[in-house]
C-alpha atoms as a PDB file:
ATOM      1  CA  MET A   1       5.328  -3.974  13.231  1.00  0.00           C
ATOM      2  CA  THR A   2       4.466  -7.454  14.331  1.00  0.00           C
ATOM      3  CA  GLU A   3       7.295  -9.776  15.255  1.00  0.00           C
ATOM      4  CA  ALA A   4       5.917 -12.903  13.573  1.00  0.00           C
ATOM      5  CA  THR A   5       5.315 -11.496  10.101  1.00  0.00           C
ATOM      6  CA  GLY A   6       7.318  -8.296  10.105  1.00  0.00           C
ATOM      7  CA  SER A   7       4.309  -6.407   8.759  1.00  0.00           C
ATOM      8  CA  SER A   8       2.619  -3.229   9.791  1.00  0.00           C
ATOM      9  CA  ALA A   9      -0.340  -1.215   8.620  1.00  0.00           C
ATOM     10  CA  ALA A  10      -0.640   2.525   8.490  1.00  0.00           C
ATOM     11  CA  PRO A  11      -1.806   3.831  11.857  1.00  0.00           C
ATOM     12  CA  HIS A  12      -4.847   5.611  10.390  1.00  0.00           C
ATOM     13  CA  ILE A  13      -6.828   4.675   7.315  1.00  0.00           C
ATOM     14  CA  ASP A  14      -9.059   7.310   5.782  1.00  0.00           C
ATOM     15  CA  ALA A  15     -12.623   5.985   5.831  1.00  0.00           C
ATOM     16  CA  LEU A  16     -13.155   7.365   2.326  1.00  0.00           C
ATOM     17  CA  SER A  17     -10.155   5.578   0.853  1.00  0.00           C
ATOM     18  CA  GLU A  18     -10.428   2.181  -0.752  1.00  0.00           C
ATOM     19  CA  TYR A  19      -6.762   1.464  -0.075  1.00  0.00           C
ATOM     20  CA  SER A  20      -4.288   1.133   2.765  1.00  0.00           C
ATOM     21  CA  VAL A  21      -0.510   0.836   2.756  1.00  0.00           C
ATOM     22  CA  ARG A  22       1.435  -1.963   4.410  1.00  0.00           C
ATOM     23  CA  VAL A  23       5.123  -2.642   4.874  1.00  0.00           C
ATOM     24  CA  THR A  24       6.018  -6.312   5.006  1.00  0.00           C
ATOM     25  CA  ARG A  25       9.157  -8.364   5.339  1.00  0.00           C
ATOM     26  CA  ASP A  26       9.396 -11.986   4.333  1.00  0.00           C
ATOM     27  CA  ALA A  27      12.011 -14.349   2.925  1.00  0.00           C
ATOM     28  CA  GLY A  28      12.126 -12.237  -0.248  1.00  0.00           C
ATOM     29  CA  GLY A  29      12.903  -9.013   1.619  1.00  0.00           C
ATOM     30  CA  TRP A  30      11.050  -5.778   2.317  1.00  0.00           C
ATOM     31  CA  GLN A  31       7.940  -4.801   0.371  1.00  0.00           C
ATOM     32  CA  VAL A  32       5.461  -1.950   0.268  1.00  0.00           C
ATOM     33  CA  ARG A  33       1.964  -3.095  -0.594  1.00  0.00           C
ATOM     34  CA  ILE A  34      -1.184  -1.232  -1.484  1.00  0.00           C
ATOM     35  CA  VAL A  35      -4.084  -3.262  -0.121  1.00  0.00           C
ATOM     36  CA  ASP A  36      -7.694  -2.779  -1.191  1.00  0.00           C
ATOM     37  CA  ALA A  37     -10.715  -2.644   1.116  1.00  0.00           C
ATOM     38  CA  ARG A  38     -11.203  -6.442   0.813  1.00  0.00           C
ATOM     39  CA  GLY A  39      -7.651  -7.085   1.984  1.00  0.00           C
ATOM     40  CA  ALA A  40      -6.332  -8.107  -1.434  1.00  0.00           C
ATOM     41  CA  VAL A  41      -2.895  -6.870  -2.495  1.00  0.00           C
ATOM     42  CA  ALA A  42      -3.451  -4.466  -5.386  1.00  0.00           C
ATOM     43  CA  TRP A  43       0.175  -3.394  -5.880  1.00  0.00           C
ATOM     44  CA  THR A  44       3.638  -4.311  -4.569  1.00  0.00           C
ATOM     45  CA  ARG A  45       7.047  -2.673  -4.682  1.00  0.00           C
ATOM     46  CA  TYR A  46      10.129  -4.509  -3.448  1.00  0.00           C
ATOM     47  CA  CYS A  47      12.659  -2.437  -1.516  1.00  0.00           C
ATOM     48  CA  ALA A  48      16.344  -2.816  -0.688  1.00  0.00           C
ATOM     49  CA  GLY A  49      15.825  -2.496   3.048  1.00  0.00           C
ATOM     50  CA  GLU A  50      13.611  -1.365   5.894  1.00  0.00           C
ATOM     51  CA  ALA A  51      14.493   2.324   5.653  1.00  0.00           C
ATOM     52  CA  GLU A  52      13.646   2.448   1.947  1.00  0.00           C
ATOM     53  CA  ALA A  53      10.408   0.516   2.506  1.00  0.00           C
ATOM     54  CA  ARG A  54       9.215   2.738   5.347  1.00  0.00           C
ATOM     55  CA  THR A  55      10.158   5.943   3.516  1.00  0.00           C
ATOM     56  CA  PHE A  56       8.375   4.863   0.348  1.00  0.00           C
ATOM     57  CA  ALA A  57       5.323   3.655   2.323  1.00  0.00           C
ATOM     58  CA  SER A  58       5.099   7.092   3.914  1.00  0.00           C
ATOM     59  CA  THR A  59       4.969   8.689   0.472  1.00  0.00           C
ATOM     60  CA  VAL A  60       2.272   6.282  -0.711  1.00  0.00           C
ATOM     61  CA  GLN A  61       0.249   6.928   2.445  1.00  0.00           C
ATOM     62  CA  GLN A  62       0.404  10.654   1.760  1.00  0.00           C
ATOM     63  CA  HIS A  63      -0.902   9.981  -1.740  1.00  0.00           C
ATOM     64  CA  VAL A  64      -3.821   8.009  -0.239  1.00  0.00           C
ATOM     65  CA  TYR A  65      -4.789  11.119   1.721  1.00  0.00           C
ATOM     66  CA  TRP A  66      -3.994  13.817  -0.832  1.00  0.00           C
ATOM     67  CA  LEU A  67      -5.070  12.373  -4.172  1.00  0.00           C
ATOM     68  CA  SER A  68      -8.611  11.711  -5.270  1.00  0.00           C
ATOM     69  CA  PRO A  69      -9.438   7.986  -5.500  1.00  0.00           C
ATOM     70  CA  ALA A  70      -9.408   8.202  -9.313  1.00  0.00           C
ATOM     71  CA  LYS A  71      -6.045   9.987  -9.405  1.00  0.00           C
ATOM     72  CA  PHE A  72      -4.553   7.525  -6.895  1.00  0.00           C
ATOM     73  CA  LYS A  73      -5.649   4.563  -9.044  1.00  0.00           C
ATOM     74  CA  GLN A  74      -4.278   6.235 -12.150  1.00  0.00           C
ATOM     75  CA  TYR A  75      -0.954   7.143 -10.521  1.00  0.00           C
ATOM     76  CA  TYR A  76      -0.316   3.612  -9.228  1.00  0.00           C
ATOM     77  CA  ARG A  77      -1.959   1.982 -12.269  1.00  0.00           C
ATOM     78  CA  LEU A  78      -4.445   0.066 -10.130  1.00  0.00           C
ATOM     79  CA  SER A  79      -7.124  -1.751 -12.035  1.00  0.00           C
ATOM     80  CA  ASP A  80     -10.704  -0.815 -11.258  1.00  0.00           C
ATOM     81  CA  PRO A  81     -12.917  -3.929 -10.931  1.00  0.00           C
ATOM     82  CA  LYS A  82     -15.925  -1.867 -12.021  1.00  0.00           C
ATOM     83  CA  MET A  83     -14.249  -1.209 -15.355  1.00  0.00           C
ATOM     84  CA  LYS A  84     -13.532  -4.851 -16.142  1.00  0.00           C
ATOM     85  CA  GLY A  85     -15.854  -6.385 -18.677  1.00  0.00           C
END
């Protein structure tokens, strides 16, 4: 976690995954974010506190590793830019 922004990235990002998980804290509170390969936030969940945010981020990170990219996108309802017309 960095002191200035209160954010941290997962320690290891699977090279095959398009997404990473970040925990952030700002004026609005704690958030878990799924970030795409370009660095854009694809999904956000607000949490009641640091413990909830870190616990939930751990679960999402496991899903990054365990689920296929298609299943991960479906589970978190992430839009696929290739499918947009």
